[in-house]
Protein backbone atom coordinates (compact mmCIF):
# COMPACT_ATOMS: atom_id res chain seq x y z
CA MET A 1 224.96 167.11 68.76
CA LEU A 2 221.72 168.10 70.53
CA VAL A 3 218.85 165.59 70.73
CA LEU A 4 215.38 165.86 72.23
CA GLY A 5 214.05 162.61 73.70
CA ILE A 6 210.40 161.73 74.42
CA GLU A 7 209.25 158.82 76.62
CA THR A 8 205.57 157.78 76.90
CA THR A 9 205.60 153.98 76.91
CA CYS A 10 203.89 153.43 80.27
CA ASP A 11 203.04 155.66 83.23
CA GLU A 12 205.74 158.32 83.06
CA THR A 13 205.52 161.25 80.67
CA ALA A 14 209.06 162.46 80.07
CA ALA A 15 211.18 164.65 77.85
CA ALA A 16 214.86 165.54 77.94
CA VAL A 17 217.62 167.17 75.94
CA ILE A 18 221.11 165.69 75.83
CA GLU A 19 224.30 166.85 74.20
CA ARG A 20 226.62 164.28 72.65
CA ALA A 21 230.20 165.43 72.10
CA PRO A 22 232.33 164.32 69.11
CA ASP A 23 234.32 162.04 71.42
CA GLY A 24 231.15 160.11 72.28
CA SER A 25 230.64 161.52 75.76
CA GLY A 26 227.26 162.86 76.78
CA LYS A 27 225.74 165.53 78.98
CA ILE A 28 222.15 165.82 80.20
CA LEU A 29 220.94 169.40 79.66
CA SER A 30 217.43 168.74 80.97
CA ASN A 31 215.38 165.75 82.09
CA ILE A 32 211.73 166.30 83.02
CA VAL A 33 209.62 163.38 84.27
CA ARG A 34 205.97 163.50 85.28
CA SER A 35 204.74 160.36 87.05
CA GLN A 36 201.15 159.14 86.78
CA ILE A 37 201.17 157.20 90.07
CA GLU A 38 198.29 159.20 91.51
CA GLU A 39 196.09 158.54 88.46
CA HIS A 40 196.58 154.77 88.66
CA ALA A 41 196.94 154.15 92.41
CA ARG A 42 193.24 153.57 93.13
CA PHE A 43 193.14 150.88 90.43
CA GLY A 44 196.17 149.03 91.81
CA GLY A 45 198.00 149.15 88.48
CA VAL A 46 198.40 151.02 85.21
CA VAL A 47 195.18 151.56 83.22
CA PRO A 48 196.23 151.96 79.55
CA GLU A 49 193.44 154.36 78.55
CA ILE A 50 194.08 156.64 81.53
CA ALA A 51 197.81 156.56 80.80
CA ALA A 52 197.34 157.56 77.16
CA ARG A 53 195.00 160.45 78.03
CA ALA A 54 197.41 161.69 80.69
CA HIS A 55 200.24 161.73 78.14
CA VAL A 56 198.10 163.78 75.77
CA ASP A 57 197.26 166.28 78.51
CA VAL A 58 200.80 167.02 79.70
CA LEU A 59 203.34 166.06 77.02
CA ASP A 60 203.49 169.41 75.20
CA GLY A 61 204.13 171.25 78.46
CA ILE A 62 206.82 168.80 79.53
CA ILE A 63 208.62 169.14 76.19
CA ASP A 64 208.50 172.95 76.50
CA ARG A 65 209.95 172.71 80.02
CA ALA A 66 212.75 170.42 78.81
CA MET A 67 213.67 172.78 75.98
CA HIS A 68 213.53 175.83 78.23
CA GLU A 69 215.66 174.22 80.93
CA ALA A 70 218.21 173.15 78.31
CA GLY A 71 218.35 176.75 77.06
CA ILE A 72 217.92 175.91 73.37
CA ASP A 73 215.28 176.31 70.70
CA TYR A 74 213.99 173.73 68.23
CA ALA A 75 216.11 175.05 65.36
CA GLN A 76 219.24 174.00 67.25
CA LEU A 77 218.23 170.34 67.55
CA ASN A 78 220.15 167.78 65.51
CA GLY A 79 217.54 165.11 66.10
CA VAL A 80 214.25 164.21 67.75
CA ALA A 81 213.99 160.77 69.37
CA ALA A 82 210.89 159.06 70.73
CA ALA A 83 210.29 155.68 72.31
CA ALA A 84 208.41 153.82 69.57
CA GLY A 85 207.90 150.70 71.72
CA PRO A 86 207.61 148.29 73.31
CA GLY A 87 204.91 149.62 75.58
CA LEU A 88 201.26 150.47 76.02
CA ILE A 89 200.31 151.27 72.44
CA GLY A 90 198.17 154.32 73.23
CA GLY A 91 201.01 156.04 75.03
CA VAL A 92 203.56 155.02 72.41
CA ILE A 93 201.40 156.58 69.69
CA VAL A 94 201.21 159.87 71.63
CA GLY A 95 204.97 160.21 72.00
CA LEU A 96 205.94 159.04 68.51
CA THR A 97 203.33 161.21 66.81
CA THR A 98 204.50 164.26 68.75
CA ALA A 99 208.12 163.57 67.79
CA LYS A 100 207.14 163.22 64.13
CA ALA A 101 205.35 166.57 64.23
CA ILE A 102 208.38 168.31 65.74
CA ALA A 103 210.74 166.66 63.27
CA MET A 104 208.55 167.55 60.30
CA VAL A 105 207.96 171.19 61.27
CA HIS A 106 211.65 171.86 61.99
CA ASP A 107 213.07 169.57 59.28
CA THR A 108 214.98 167.59 61.90
CA PRO A 109 215.97 163.89 61.70
CA LEU A 110 213.68 161.45 63.52
CA VAL A 111 214.87 158.46 65.51
CA ALA A 112 212.31 155.84 66.60
CA VAL A 113 213.92 154.28 69.68
CA ASN A 114 213.41 150.84 71.18
CA HIS A 115 212.68 151.57 74.85
CA LEU A 116 214.76 148.54 75.87
CA GLU A 117 217.72 149.72 73.80
CA ALA A 118 217.52 153.04 75.64
CA HIS A 119 217.93 151.20 78.96
CA ALA A 120 220.76 149.15 77.44
CA LEU A 121 222.73 152.20 76.28
CA THR A 122 222.20 154.45 79.33
CA PRO A 123 225.47 153.28 81.02
CA ARG A 124 227.37 154.70 78.06
CA LEU A 125 225.88 158.10 78.90
CA THR A 126 226.52 157.88 82.64
CA ASP A 127 229.82 155.97 82.70
CA GLY A 128 231.22 156.04 79.16
CA ILE A 129 231.52 152.25 79.09
CA GLU A 130 232.96 150.60 75.97
CA PHE A 131 231.44 147.64 74.12
CA PRO A 132 230.99 144.76 74.75
CA TYR A 133 229.29 144.46 78.13
CA CYS A 134 226.82 142.13 79.80
CA LEU A 135 223.45 143.70 80.58
CA PHE A 136 220.99 142.64 83.24
CA LEU A 137 217.78 144.34 82.12
CA ALA A 138 214.85 144.30 84.52
CA SER A 139 212.27 146.78 83.28
CA GLY A 140 208.47 146.50 83.40
CA GLY A 141 207.54 143.16 81.91
CA HIS A 142 211.11 142.31 80.90
CA THR A 143 213.83 140.38 82.69
CA GLN A 144 216.75 139.58 80.41
CA ILE A 145 220.49 138.98 80.31
CA VAL A 146 221.85 140.50 77.11
CA ALA A 147 225.24 140.76 75.42
CA VAL A 148 225.58 144.35 74.21
CA THR A 149 228.22 144.39 71.46
CA GLY A 150 227.35 147.66 69.71
CA VAL A 151 224.57 150.11 69.00
CA GLY A 152 221.76 148.00 67.57
CA GLN A 153 223.72 144.81 68.26
CA TYR A 154 222.23 142.66 71.02
CA VAL A 155 222.26 138.95 71.79
CA ARG A 156 219.86 137.66 74.40
CA LEU A 157 221.55 135.14 76.69
CA GLY A 158 218.64 134.56 79.05
CA THR A 159 215.08 135.71 79.65
CA THR A 160 212.09 135.03 81.85
CA VAL A 161 209.92 132.11 80.81
CA ASP A 162 206.89 133.46 82.70
CA ASP A 163 206.60 136.43 85.07
CA ALA A 164 209.20 139.16 84.84
CA MET A 165 210.87 140.37 88.01
CA GLY A 166 208.93 143.63 88.11
CA GLU A 167 205.68 141.75 87.61
CA ALA A 168 206.48 139.37 90.46
CA PHE A 169 207.20 142.24 92.87
CA ASP A 170 204.00 144.03 91.85
CA LYS A 171 201.84 140.92 92.19
CA VAL A 172 203.28 139.97 95.56
CA ALA A 173 202.58 143.49 96.79
CA LYS A 174 199.01 143.31 95.55
CA MET A 175 198.29 139.94 97.17
CA LEU A 176 199.65 141.26 100.49
CA GLY A 177 197.54 144.41 100.30
CA LEU A 178 200.44 146.81 99.79
CA PRO A 179 199.73 150.01 97.87
CA TYR A 180 200.73 150.73 94.27
CA PRO A 181 203.42 150.86 92.98
CA GLY A 182 204.25 147.51 94.50
CA GLY A 183 207.98 147.04 93.95
CA PRO A 184 209.20 149.81 96.27
CA GLN A 185 206.58 148.78 98.86
CA VAL A 186 207.91 145.21 98.95
CA GLU A 187 211.47 146.49 99.32
CA ARG A 188 210.41 148.81 102.14
CA ALA A 189 208.52 146.08 104.00
CA ALA A 190 211.38 143.60 103.54
CA ALA A 191 213.77 145.94 105.34
CA SER A 192 212.13 145.12 108.69
CA GLY A 193 211.40 141.46 107.95
CA ASP A 194 212.98 138.09 108.74
CA ALA A 195 214.25 136.66 105.45
CA THR A 196 214.66 133.18 106.98
CA ARG A 197 211.12 132.74 108.27
CA PHE A 198 209.67 131.33 105.04
CA ALA A 199 211.56 128.79 102.94
CA PHE A 200 210.71 129.87 99.41
CA PRO A 201 212.11 128.10 96.32
CA ARG A 202 215.02 129.44 94.27
CA PRO A 203 213.64 128.98 90.73
CA MET A 204 215.89 127.61 87.96
CA GLN A 205 218.90 127.46 90.30
CA GLY A 206 221.67 125.25 88.94
CA ARG A 207 220.33 125.03 85.38
CA PRO A 208 222.87 125.39 82.54
CA ASP A 209 220.81 128.04 80.72
CA ALA A 210 220.47 131.63 81.97
CA ASN A 211 216.67 131.85 81.96
CA PHE A 212 214.50 133.09 84.83
CA SER A 213 211.19 131.84 86.22
CA LEU A 214 209.32 133.68 88.96
CA SER A 215 205.73 132.50 88.63
CA GLY A 216 206.22 129.58 91.00
CA LEU A 217 207.92 131.79 93.59
CA LYS A 218 204.99 134.20 93.45
CA THR A 219 202.61 131.28 93.97
CA ALA A 220 204.66 130.08 96.95
CA VAL A 221 204.24 133.48 98.59
CA ARG A 222 200.49 133.33 98.05
CA ASN A 223 200.31 129.82 99.53
CA GLU A 224 202.24 130.80 102.65
CA ALA A 225 200.11 133.92 103.09
CA SER A 226 196.91 131.86 102.81
CA ARG A 227 198.07 129.59 105.65
CA LEU A 228 198.16 132.51 108.06
CA THR A 229 194.86 132.93 109.90
CA GLU A 230 195.33 136.68 110.18
CA ILE A 231 198.19 138.53 108.49
CA ALA A 232 199.85 141.00 110.84
CA PRO A 233 202.24 143.75 109.67
CA GLN A 234 205.23 141.67 110.79
CA ASP A 235 203.96 138.72 108.75
CA ILE A 236 203.89 140.96 105.68
CA SER A 237 207.42 142.14 106.36
CA ASP A 238 208.66 138.57 106.81
CA LEU A 239 206.91 137.40 103.64
CA CYS A 240 208.43 140.29 101.68
CA ALA A 241 211.90 139.71 103.13
CA SER A 242 211.78 135.98 102.39
CA PHE A 243 210.46 136.62 98.87
CA GLN A 244 213.13 139.22 98.15
CA ALA A 245 215.88 136.93 99.47
CA ALA A 246 214.72 134.20 97.09
CA VAL A 247 214.75 136.66 94.18
CA LEU A 248 218.27 137.77 95.08
CA ASP A 249 219.59 134.20 95.25
CA ALA A 250 217.92 133.25 91.98
CA THR A 251 219.20 136.39 90.26
CA ALA A 252 222.76 135.79 91.44
CA ASP A 253 222.66 132.22 90.11
CA ARG A 254 221.14 133.20 86.76
CA LEU A 255 223.62 136.05 86.25
CA SER A 256 226.57 133.81 87.07
CA VAL A 257 225.46 131.51 84.26
CA GLY A 258 224.80 134.46 81.96
CA LEU A 259 228.30 135.83 82.52
CA ARG A 260 229.78 132.42 81.78
CA LEU A 261 227.82 132.24 78.51
CA PHE A 262 228.96 135.77 77.67
CA ARG A 263 232.63 134.85 78.11
CA GLU A 264 232.23 131.72 75.99
CA GLN A 265 230.75 133.69 73.10
CA PHE A 266 232.27 137.18 73.34
CA GLY A 267 235.22 137.04 75.70
CA ALA A 268 235.50 139.02 78.92
CA PRO A 269 232.89 141.78 79.30
CA HIS A 270 233.99 145.30 80.14
CA ALA A 271 231.36 145.27 82.90
CA LEU A 272 228.18 143.79 84.24
CA VAL A 273 225.56 146.49 83.74
CA ALA A 274 222.21 146.65 85.53
CA ALA A 275 219.44 148.78 84.04
CA GLY A 276 215.69 149.18 84.29
CA GLY A 277 213.36 150.06 87.13
CA VAL A 278 214.03 146.95 89.22
CA ALA A 279 217.72 147.89 89.30
CA ALA A 280 216.73 150.79 91.55
CA ASN A 281 216.05 148.25 94.33
CA GLN A 282 218.93 148.69 96.79
CA ALA A 283 218.95 145.04 97.90
CA ILE A 284 219.22 143.88 94.30
CA ARG A 285 222.03 146.36 93.73
CA GLY A 286 223.94 144.88 96.65
CA ALA A 287 223.52 141.34 95.31
CA LEU A 288 224.74 142.42 91.88
CA HIS A 289 227.91 143.84 93.39
CA ASP A 290 228.66 140.39 94.82
CA VAL A 291 228.01 138.70 91.47
CA ALA A 292 230.29 141.09 89.60
CA ARG A 293 233.06 140.72 92.17
CA GLN A 294 232.91 136.93 92.02
CA ALA A 295 232.97 137.07 88.21
CA GLY A 296 236.04 139.32 88.22
CA THR A 297 234.37 142.26 86.52
CA GLN A 298 233.00 145.65 87.55
CA LEU A 299 229.36 146.49 88.16
CA ILE A 300 227.96 149.61 86.53
CA MET A 301 224.51 150.93 87.36
CA PRO A 302 223.03 154.26 86.32
CA PRO A 303 221.68 156.46 89.13
CA PRO A 304 218.22 155.31 90.27
CA ALA A 305 216.54 158.25 88.49
CA LEU A 306 217.95 157.00 85.18
CA CYS A 307 216.96 153.37 85.85
CA THR A 308 213.25 154.15 85.80
CA ASP A 309 211.66 155.49 82.60
CA ASN A 310 212.94 158.92 81.57
CA GLY A 311 213.52 161.07 78.52
CA ALA A 312 217.30 161.30 78.86
CA MET A 313 217.77 157.61 78.04
CA ILE A 314 215.60 158.00 74.91
CA ALA A 315 217.51 161.10 73.82
CA TRP A 316 220.83 159.33 74.39
CA ALA A 317 219.81 156.24 72.41
CA GLY A 318 218.67 158.57 69.65
CA ALA A 319 222.02 160.36 69.70
CA GLU A 320 223.95 157.08 69.61
CA ARG A 321 221.99 155.96 66.56
CA LEU A 322 222.11 159.37 64.90
CA ALA A 323 225.91 159.43 65.23
CA LEU A 324 225.98 156.28 63.10
CA GLY A 325 223.55 157.67 60.54
CA MET A 326 220.70 155.47 61.79
CA THR A 327 217.55 157.56 61.34
CA ASP A 328 213.90 156.77 60.63
CA THR A 329 211.28 158.03 58.22
CA MET A 330 207.84 159.41 59.00
CA GLU A 331 206.55 155.89 58.29
CA ALA A 332 208.04 154.57 61.54
CA GLN A 333 205.38 152.57 63.34
CA PRO A 334 204.53 152.42 67.06
CA ARG A 335 205.00 148.94 68.50
CA ALA A 336 203.38 147.32 71.49
CA ARG A 337 205.96 144.52 71.21
CA TRP A 338 209.55 144.92 70.08
CA LEU A 339 212.27 142.41 70.91
CA LEU A 340 215.70 143.85 71.63
CA ASP A 341 217.43 140.86 70.03
CA ALA A 342 215.84 140.62 66.58
CA ASN A 343 216.96 136.99 66.24
CA ALA A 344 215.46 135.85 69.54
CA THR A 345 212.05 134.24 69.93
CA ALA A 346 209.40 135.84 72.11
CA PRO A 347 209.20 134.37 75.64
CA ALA A 348 206.08 132.48 76.61
CA GLY A 349 204.48 135.39 78.45
CA TYR A 350 205.37 138.09 75.93
CA GLY A 351 202.35 140.27 75.28
CA ASN A 352 200.48 139.46 78.51
CA THR A 353 199.36 142.10 81.02
CA ARG A 354 202.84 143.48 81.75
CA ALA A 355 205.08 141.24 79.65
CA GLY A 356 204.43 143.18 76.46
CA PHE A 357 206.42 146.19 77.56
C-alpha cells in the first residue's frame, strides 16, 4: 500500500510517501519538510496568515519532490492523506483542499487525519509497537497522557489544565529575550546553567490525577527574572536550567501517575511512548527513560525528525486507517480544534493562542 501524506497544520509544509506492507510494517520512501522559521522569526512566533500563504506558495513543489524521491506516480497511490486538524485553520484548509484535488483527479481514497493521531501512531511506523501503549504527547499546544488501544481508539488519562509544555518553553524563551523558536533555545541555554540556583515549584506534584499545569511555573520564572537588576547571560542559563529541571520533575511525577492509571484500566502497557515536538528535547528524553525504567516498561521515541511535524506521520496514519477501511468523503471538513479522545472534554485553555493545535 502506497500513501501520500500532507502536513500543513502550523509552520512546516511537508509531504511524504510511505509504503505499508501486508504484515503491517512500514517504510518511508520520501519525507520532505520545509520549515517557515525564517518567515516567523522577526515576529517572535507563528503568524497564521503568513503561515497559510507560505503553504500555498510551496506545497505543490514539495508534493512533487516527495513523489519524485519516492519514485512513483500518482496512479500508483492507494490513498491520499492530509492533516485535517487540529491546527491553524488557514494552513489546514490548504493541505486538505490539495489532498482532495489529488484524490478526485486520480480517483484515489482520501483520508482526513487527526494531526494528534498521526503523532500517536508514529511509533508503530518506526518501532512496530503493538497495542495497547501509553502515550506522552507533547506537541504544540497539547500536553497529554493517552492510552492508545487501537487505531482511532484513544482514552485521555491526563492533560494540561492551562499552558501546554511547548507553550511554556516558548513563553519562557520570549520573556528572557531568546530568539524564536523558543523551545530549543531554552534547552541550549539550560545546558550551561545551574539547575539548583532558582527554587521553582513542581506543579501538580503528588496529585492523584495525571493532569499537568505549567502556567504557575512560567509565572515563577518571570518573577525571578524581574528581581534581577540586570540579566546577564549566565542568569539566563541558570533560569532556563532551573525551569527545565522543574518541568522534568513535574513530568516524571505526572507520567508515573498516568502509567498507574493505565495499568488499572488496561493492564500493562507494551511501552511508554513519547511523541510530539517537545519529545525532541534531549533532557526530557533522559527523564522519560528513568520513568519507564521505574515503571518496568520500555520507552519508545521516534527519531527527533519524526517527533516534529512531518508528512511521513500523516501518511502513516492514513495508511493505518486505510488498512481498516476507514476513509473519508470529499465533504471532510478542516478543523481548528479536534480532540483525540472523542469522549474527553476540552481543557480550559483549548482554543487559545497555541492551545488550539
